[in-house]
C-alpha atoms as a PDB file:
ATOM      1  CA  UNK A   1      88.815  86.289   1.146  1.00  0.00           C
ATOM      2  CA  UNK A   2      89.439  87.108   4.790  1.00  0.00           C
ATOM      3  CA  UNK A   3      93.012  88.247   5.414  1.00  0.00           C
ATOM      4  CA  UNK A   4      94.338  88.328   8.954  1.00  0.00           C
ATOM      5  CA  UNK A   5      97.654  90.163   9.216  1.00  0.00           C
ATOM      6  CA  UNK A   6      99.734  90.229  12.376  1.00  0.00           C
ATOM      7  CA  UNK A   7     102.940  92.186  12.743  1.00  0.00           C
ATOM      8  CA  UNK A   8     105.621  90.547  14.861  1.00  0.00           C
ATOM      9  CA  UNK A   9     105.687  91.210  18.587  1.00  0.00           C
ATOM     10  CA  UNK A  10     108.533  92.706  20.635  1.00  0.00           C
ATOM     11  CA  UNK A  11     111.861  91.121  19.702  1.00  0.00           C
ATOM     12  CA  UNK A  12     115.178  90.724  21.518  1.00  0.00           C
ATOM     13  CA  UNK A  13     117.729  93.495  21.137  1.00  0.00           C
ATOM     14  CA  UNK A  14     120.811  91.791  19.721  1.00  0.00           C
ATOM     15  CA  UNK A  15     123.885  92.663  17.724  1.00  0.00           C
ATOM     16  CA  UNK A  16     123.350  92.891  13.949  1.00  0.00           C
ATOM     17  CA  UNK A  17     123.514  89.459  12.386  1.00  0.00           C
ATOM     18  CA  UNK A  18     122.618  87.583  15.585  1.00  0.00           C
ATOM     19  CA  UNK A  19     119.502  85.444  15.915  1.00  0.00           C
ATOM     20  CA  UNK A  20     116.632  87.798  16.799  1.00  0.00           C
ATOM     21  CA  UNK A  21     113.667  86.010  18.247  1.00  0.00           C
ATOM     22  CA  UNK A  22     110.860  87.263  20.443  1.00  0.00           C
ATOM     23  CA  UNK A  23     111.538  88.715  23.859  1.00  0.00           C
ATOM     24  CA  UNK A  24     109.591  87.496  26.881  1.00  0.00           C
ATOM     25  CA  UNK A  25     107.453  90.634  26.516  1.00  0.00           C
ATOM     26  CA  UNK A  26     106.858  89.690  22.869  1.00  0.00           C
ATOM     27  CA  UNK A  27     105.602  86.249  23.822  1.00  0.00           C
ATOM     28  CA  UNK A  28     103.105  87.795  26.224  1.00  0.00           C
ATOM     29  CA  UNK A  29     102.017  90.260  23.514  1.00  0.00           C
ATOM     30  CA  UNK A  30     101.300  87.416  21.075  1.00  0.00           C
ATOM     31  CA  UNK A  31      99.227  85.574  23.684  1.00  0.00           C
ATOM     32  CA  UNK A  32      97.263  88.785  24.242  1.00  0.00           C
ATOM     33  CA  UNK A  33      96.785  89.196  20.469  1.00  0.00           C
ATOM     34  CA  UNK A  34      95.343  85.670  20.279  1.00  0.00           C
ATOM     35  CA  UNK A  35      92.979  86.493  23.163  1.00  0.00           C
ATOM     36  CA  UNK A  36      91.978  89.704  21.439  1.00  0.00           C
ATOM     37  CA  UNK A  37      91.302  87.807  18.216  1.00  0.00           C
ATOM     38  CA  UNK A  38      88.970  85.471  20.130  1.00  0.00           C
ATOM     39  CA  UNK A  39      87.092  88.447  21.551  1.00  0.00           C
ATOM     40  CA  UNK A  40      86.561  90.328  18.246  1.00  0.00           C
ATOM     41  CA  UNK A  41      86.278  87.630  15.593  1.00  0.00           C
ATOM     42  CA  UNK A  42      82.567  87.054  16.161  1.00  0.00           C
ATOM     43  CA  UNK A  43      81.771  90.683  15.573  1.00  0.00           C
ATOM     44  CA  UNK A  44      84.104  91.175  12.606  1.00  0.00           C
ATOM     45  CA  UNK A  45      83.815  87.813  10.800  1.00  0.00           C
ATOM     46  CA  UNK A  46      80.786  85.849  12.065  1.00  0.00           C
ATOM     47  CA  UNK A  47      81.318  82.960   9.617  1.00  0.00           C
ATOM     48  CA  UNK A  48      84.840  82.432  10.983  1.00  0.00           C
ATOM     49  CA  UNK A  49      83.566  82.541  14.561  1.00  0.00           C
ATOM     50  CA  UNK A  50      80.895  79.934  13.731  1.00  0.00           C
ATOM     51  CA  UNK A  51      83.590  77.765  12.059  1.00  0.00           C
ATOM     52  CA  UNK A  52      81.841  77.906   8.670  1.00  0.00           C
ATOM     53  CA  UNK A  53      85.233  78.952   7.317  1.00  0.00           C
ATOM     54  CA  UNK A  54      88.691  78.417   8.852  1.00  0.00           C
ATOM     55  CA  UNK A  55      92.218  79.741   8.449  1.00  0.00           C
ATOM     56  CA  UNK A  56      93.542  77.323   5.838  1.00  0.00           C
ATOM     57  CA  UNK A  57      96.809  79.005   4.916  1.00  0.00           C
ATOM     58  CA  UNK A  58      99.460  80.594   7.154  1.00  0.00           C
ATOM     59  CA  UNK A  59     102.306  82.573   5.602  1.00  0.00           C
ATOM     60  CA  UNK A  60     105.145  84.413   7.319  1.00  0.00           C
ATOM     61  CA  UNK A  61     108.170  86.550   6.699  1.00  0.00           C
ATOM     62  CA  UNK A  62     111.271  84.342   7.016  1.00  0.00           C
ATOM     63  CA  UNK A  63     112.555  86.388   9.967  1.00  0.00           C
ATOM     64  CA  UNK A  64     112.656  84.482  13.286  1.00  0.00           C
ATOM     65  CA  UNK A  65     110.608  87.090  15.155  1.00  0.00           C
ATOM     66  CA  UNK A  66     107.786  86.701  12.623  1.00  0.00           C
ATOM     67  CA  UNK A  67     107.941  82.910  12.597  1.00  0.00           C
ATOM     68  CA  UNK A  68     107.826  82.789  16.408  1.00  0.00           C
ATOM     69  CA  UNK A  69     104.936  85.281  16.437  1.00  0.00           C
ATOM     70  CA  UNK A  70     102.862  83.342  13.911  1.00  0.00           C
ATOM     71  CA  UNK A  71     103.593  79.986  15.581  1.00  0.00           C
ATOM     72  CA  UNK A  72     102.490  81.232  18.971  1.00  0.00           C
ATOM     73  CA  UNK A  73      99.472  83.109  17.600  1.00  0.00           C
ATOM     74  CA  UNK A  74      98.344  80.136  15.504  1.00  0.00           C
ATOM     75  CA  UNK A  75      98.567  77.906  18.551  1.00  0.00           C
ATOM     76  CA  UNK A  76      96.440  80.412  20.466  1.00  0.00           C
ATOM     77  CA  UNK A  77      93.741  80.452  17.772  1.00  0.00           C
ATOM     78  CA  UNK A  78      94.024  76.778  16.762  1.00  0.00           C
ATOM     79  CA  UNK A  79      90.248  76.329  16.939  1.00  0.00           C
ATOM     80  CA  UNK A  80      90.013  78.679  13.934  1.00  0.00           C
ATOM     81  CA  UNK A  81      92.609  76.844  11.838  1.00  0.00           C
ATOM     82  CA  UNK A  82      92.463  74.000   9.340  1.00  0.00           C
ATOM     83  CA  UNK A  83      96.231  73.664   8.871  1.00  0.00           C
ATOM     84  CA  UNK A  84      99.416  73.327  10.878  1.00  0.00           C
ATOM     85  CA  UNK A  85     101.663  74.220   7.941  1.00  0.00           C
ATOM     86  CA  UNK A  86     103.397  77.574   7.897  1.00  0.00           C
ATOM     87  CA  UNK A  87     104.805  78.684   4.565  1.00  0.00           C
ATOM     88  CA  UNK A  88     107.610  81.196   4.242  1.00  0.00           C
ATOM     89  CA  UNK A  89     106.818  84.147   2.000  1.00  0.00           C
ATOM     90  CA  UNK A  90     109.954  86.156   1.303  1.00  0.00           C
ATOM     91  CA  UNK A  91     107.902  89.072  -0.014  1.00  0.00           C
ATOM     92  CA  UNK A  92     106.633  89.615   3.566  1.00  0.00           C
ATOM     93  CA  UNK A  93     110.120  90.276   4.932  1.00  0.00           C
ATOM     94  CA  UNK A  94     111.113  93.631   6.367  1.00  0.00           C
ATOM     95  CA  UNK A  95     112.220  96.000   3.657  1.00  0.00           C
ATOM     96  CA  UNK A  96     115.462  97.637   4.860  1.00  0.00           C
ATOM     97  CA  UNK A  97     115.903  99.888   1.833  1.00  0.00           C
ATOM     98  CA  UNK A  98     112.332 100.409   0.888  1.00  0.00           C
ATOM     99  CA  UNK A  99     109.013  99.421   2.294  1.00  0.00           C
ATOM    100  CA  UNK A 100     106.632  96.513   2.206  1.00  0.00           C
ATOM    101  CA  UNK A 101     104.230  97.355  -0.581  1.00  0.00           C
ATOM    102  CA  UNK A 102     100.672  96.539  -1.469  1.00  0.00           C
ATOM    103  CA  UNK A 103     102.121  94.645  -4.437  1.00  0.00           C
ATOM    104  CA  UNK A 104     104.125  92.439  -2.082  1.00  0.00           C
ATOM    105  CA  UNK A 105     101.015  91.469  -0.135  1.00  0.00           C
ATOM    106  CA  UNK A 106      98.876  90.995  -3.243  1.00  0.00           C
ATOM    107  CA  UNK A 107     101.521  88.749  -4.850  1.00  0.00           C
ATOM    108  CA  UNK A 108     101.505  86.556  -1.729  1.00  0.00           C
ATOM    109  CA  UNK A 109      97.695  86.429  -1.721  1.00  0.00           C
ATOM    110  CA  UNK A 110      97.607  85.686  -5.469  1.00  0.00           C
ATOM    111  CA  UNK A 111      99.359  82.396  -4.715  1.00  0.00           C
ATOM    112  CA  UNK A 112      96.512  81.137  -2.543  1.00  0.00           C
ATOM    113  CA  UNK A 113      92.931  80.113  -3.125  1.00  0.00           C
ATOM    114  CA  UNK A 114      92.129  79.947   0.588  1.00  0.00           C
ATOM    115  CA  UNK A 115      89.060  81.662   1.968  1.00  0.00           C
ATOM    116  CA  UNK A 116      90.931  82.724   5.118  1.00  0.00           C
ATOM    117  CA  UNK A 117      94.655  83.498   5.197  1.00  0.00           C
ATOM    118  CA  UNK A 118      96.896  84.464   8.124  1.00  0.00           C
ATOM    119  CA  UNK A 119      99.993  86.526   7.314  1.00  0.00           C
ATOM    120  CA  UNK A 120     102.782  87.631   9.648  1.00  0.00           C
ATOM    121  CA  UNK A 121     105.041  90.504   8.687  1.00  0.00           C
ATOM    122  CA  UNK A 122     106.717  93.641  10.014  1.00  0.00           C
ATOM    123  CA  UNK A 123     105.769  97.137  11.165  1.00  0.00           C
ATOM    124  CA  UNK A 124     106.157  98.566   7.664  1.00  0.00           C
ATOM    125  CA  UNK A 125     102.769  96.972   6.976  1.00  0.00           C
ATOM    126  CA  UNK A 126     101.172 100.372   7.608  1.00  0.00           C
ATOM    127  CA  UNK A 127     102.417 101.657   4.265  1.00  0.00           C
ATOM    128  CA  UNK A 128     101.173  98.565   2.418  1.00  0.00           C
ATOM    129  CA  UNK A 129      97.566  98.561   3.589  1.00  0.00           C
ATOM    130  CA  UNK A 130      94.912  99.970   1.237  1.00  0.00           C
ATOM    131  CA  UNK A 131      95.033 103.714   0.764  1.00  0.00           C
ATOM    132  CA  UNK A 132      91.499 103.953   2.118  1.00  0.00           C
ATOM    133  CA  UNK A 133      92.938 103.080   5.546  1.00  0.00           C
ATOM    134  CA  UNK A 134      93.232 106.364   7.375  1.00  0.00           C
ATOM    135  CA  UNK A 135      95.279 105.899  10.523  1.00  0.00           C
ATOM    136  CA  UNK A 136      95.379 108.097  13.583  1.00  0.00           C
ATOM    137  CA  UNK A 137      98.456 110.300  13.067  1.00  0.00           C
ATOM    138  CA  UNK A 138     100.055 109.220  16.339  1.00  0.00           C
ATOM    139  CA  UNK A 139     100.178 105.499  15.430  1.00  0.00           C
ATOM    140  CA  UNK A 140     102.155 105.605  12.151  1.00  0.00           C
ATOM    141  CA  UNK A 141     105.421 107.230  11.152  1.00  0.00           C
ATOM    142  CA  UNK A 142     106.818 107.062   7.626  1.00  0.00           C
ATOM    143  CA  UNK A 143     104.669 104.021   6.751  1.00  0.00           C
ATOM    144  CA  UNK A 144     105.629 102.099   9.913  1.00  0.00           C
ATOM    145  CA  UNK A 145     103.377 101.253  12.828  1.00  0.00           C
ATOM    146  CA  UNK A 146     104.884 102.670  16.014  1.00  0.00           C
ATOM    147  CA  UNK A 147     103.652  99.829  18.203  1.00  0.00           C
ATOM    148  CA  UNK A 148     103.536  96.068  18.024  1.00  0.00           C
ATOM    149  CA  UNK A 149     101.992  93.724  17.542  1.00  0.00           C
ATOM    150  CA  UNK A 150      99.301  95.057  15.228  1.00  0.00           C
ATOM    151  CA  UNK A 151      96.336  92.815  14.419  1.00  0.00           C
ATOM    152  CA  UNK A 152      94.527  93.619  11.168  1.00  0.00           C
ATOM    153  CA  UNK A 153      91.513  91.788   9.765  1.00  0.00           C
ATOM    154  CA  UNK A 154      90.383  92.522   6.220  1.00  0.00           C
ATOM    155  CA  UNK A 155      88.034  91.459   3.455  1.00  0.00           C
ATOM    156  CA  UNK A 156      89.743  91.284   0.088  1.00  0.00           C
ATOM    157  CA  UNK A 157      88.357  90.192  -3.248  1.00  0.00           C
ATOM    158  CA  UNK A 158      91.270  89.116  -5.484  1.00  0.00           C
ATOM    159  CA  UNK A 159      89.174  90.029  -8.536  1.00  0.00           C
ATOM    160  CA  UNK A 160      89.305  93.712  -7.512  1.00  0.00           C
ATOM    161  CA  UNK A 161      92.093  96.107  -6.733  1.00  0.00           C
ATOM    162  CA  UNK A 162      93.825  96.017  -3.348  1.00  0.00           C
ATOM    163  CA  UNK A 163      92.728  99.588  -2.599  1.00  0.00           C
ATOM    164  CA  UNK A 164      89.136  98.360  -2.454  1.00  0.00           C
ATOM    165  CA  UNK A 165      89.897  95.862   0.309  1.00  0.00           C
ATOM    166  CA  UNK A 166      87.913  96.592   3.452  1.00  0.00           C
ATOM    167  CA  UNK A 167      89.683  96.810   6.785  1.00  0.00           C
ATOM    168  CA  UNK A 168      87.342  95.298   9.354  1.00  0.00           C
ATOM    169  CA  UNK A 169      89.662  95.937  12.276  1.00  0.00           C
ATOM    170  CA  UNK A 170      93.170  97.232  12.945  1.00  0.00           C
ATOM    171  CA  UNK A 171      94.334  97.302  16.560  1.00  0.00           C
ATOM    172  CA  UNK A 172      97.545  97.277  18.580  1.00  0.00           C
ATOM    173  CA  UNK A 173      98.365  96.029  22.054  1.00  0.00           C
ATOM    174  CA  UNK A 174     100.150  99.253  23.044  1.00  0.00           C
ATOM    175  CA  UNK A 175      96.958 101.156  22.233  1.00  0.00           C
ATOM    176  CA  UNK A 176      94.921  98.947  24.621  1.00  0.00           C
ATOM    177  CA  UNK A 177      93.505  97.111  21.602  1.00  0.00           C
ATOM    178  CA  UNK A 178      91.712 100.231  20.439  1.00  0.00           C
ATOM    179  CA  UNK A 179      91.405 100.907  16.745  1.00  0.00           C
ATOM    180  CA  UNK A 180      94.332 102.490  14.965  1.00  0.00           C
ATOM    181  CA  UNK A 181      91.982 103.834  12.307  1.00  0.00           C
ATOM    182  CA  UNK A 182      90.469 107.283  12.331  1.00  0.00           C
ATOM    183  CA  UNK A 183      86.765 107.020  12.832  1.00  0.00           C
END
């Protein structure tokens, strides 16, 4: 299974409880993430680039900033999709009093049989990625990515443990689309 995970882009600063969608800057960031996906997909997942497989399931946190991010990103990569349905996955929501966990992601993936899945979640994704992901110290703090959006592409076999998933790429706009992983 190929898992594409995008964290939401820059969001509006609003009072607690108000609708919090993407900022103008966030919209531009998502467009750039879609462009970046186009430029790296052939190297990272050749069978997706050649359209042998397509994104057939899109799941998002219920938060507006994530839904807007995944809508805009999906539109930007529509040639790689085989669906226009976006499902809400509450387990992908930002964890205010805890952190998104590997178990949260795995439970969402367990509900799909798709070969390629696109997920949209929050910056606490860093703490939920497989433990074999060693990030540059300056890009993560307390399990949260410091920049957004972050585009992660992985190979995951649901028959094995999450920690054996292979991160093919993990990049952020604010890092000039350079890898966030230690090499």
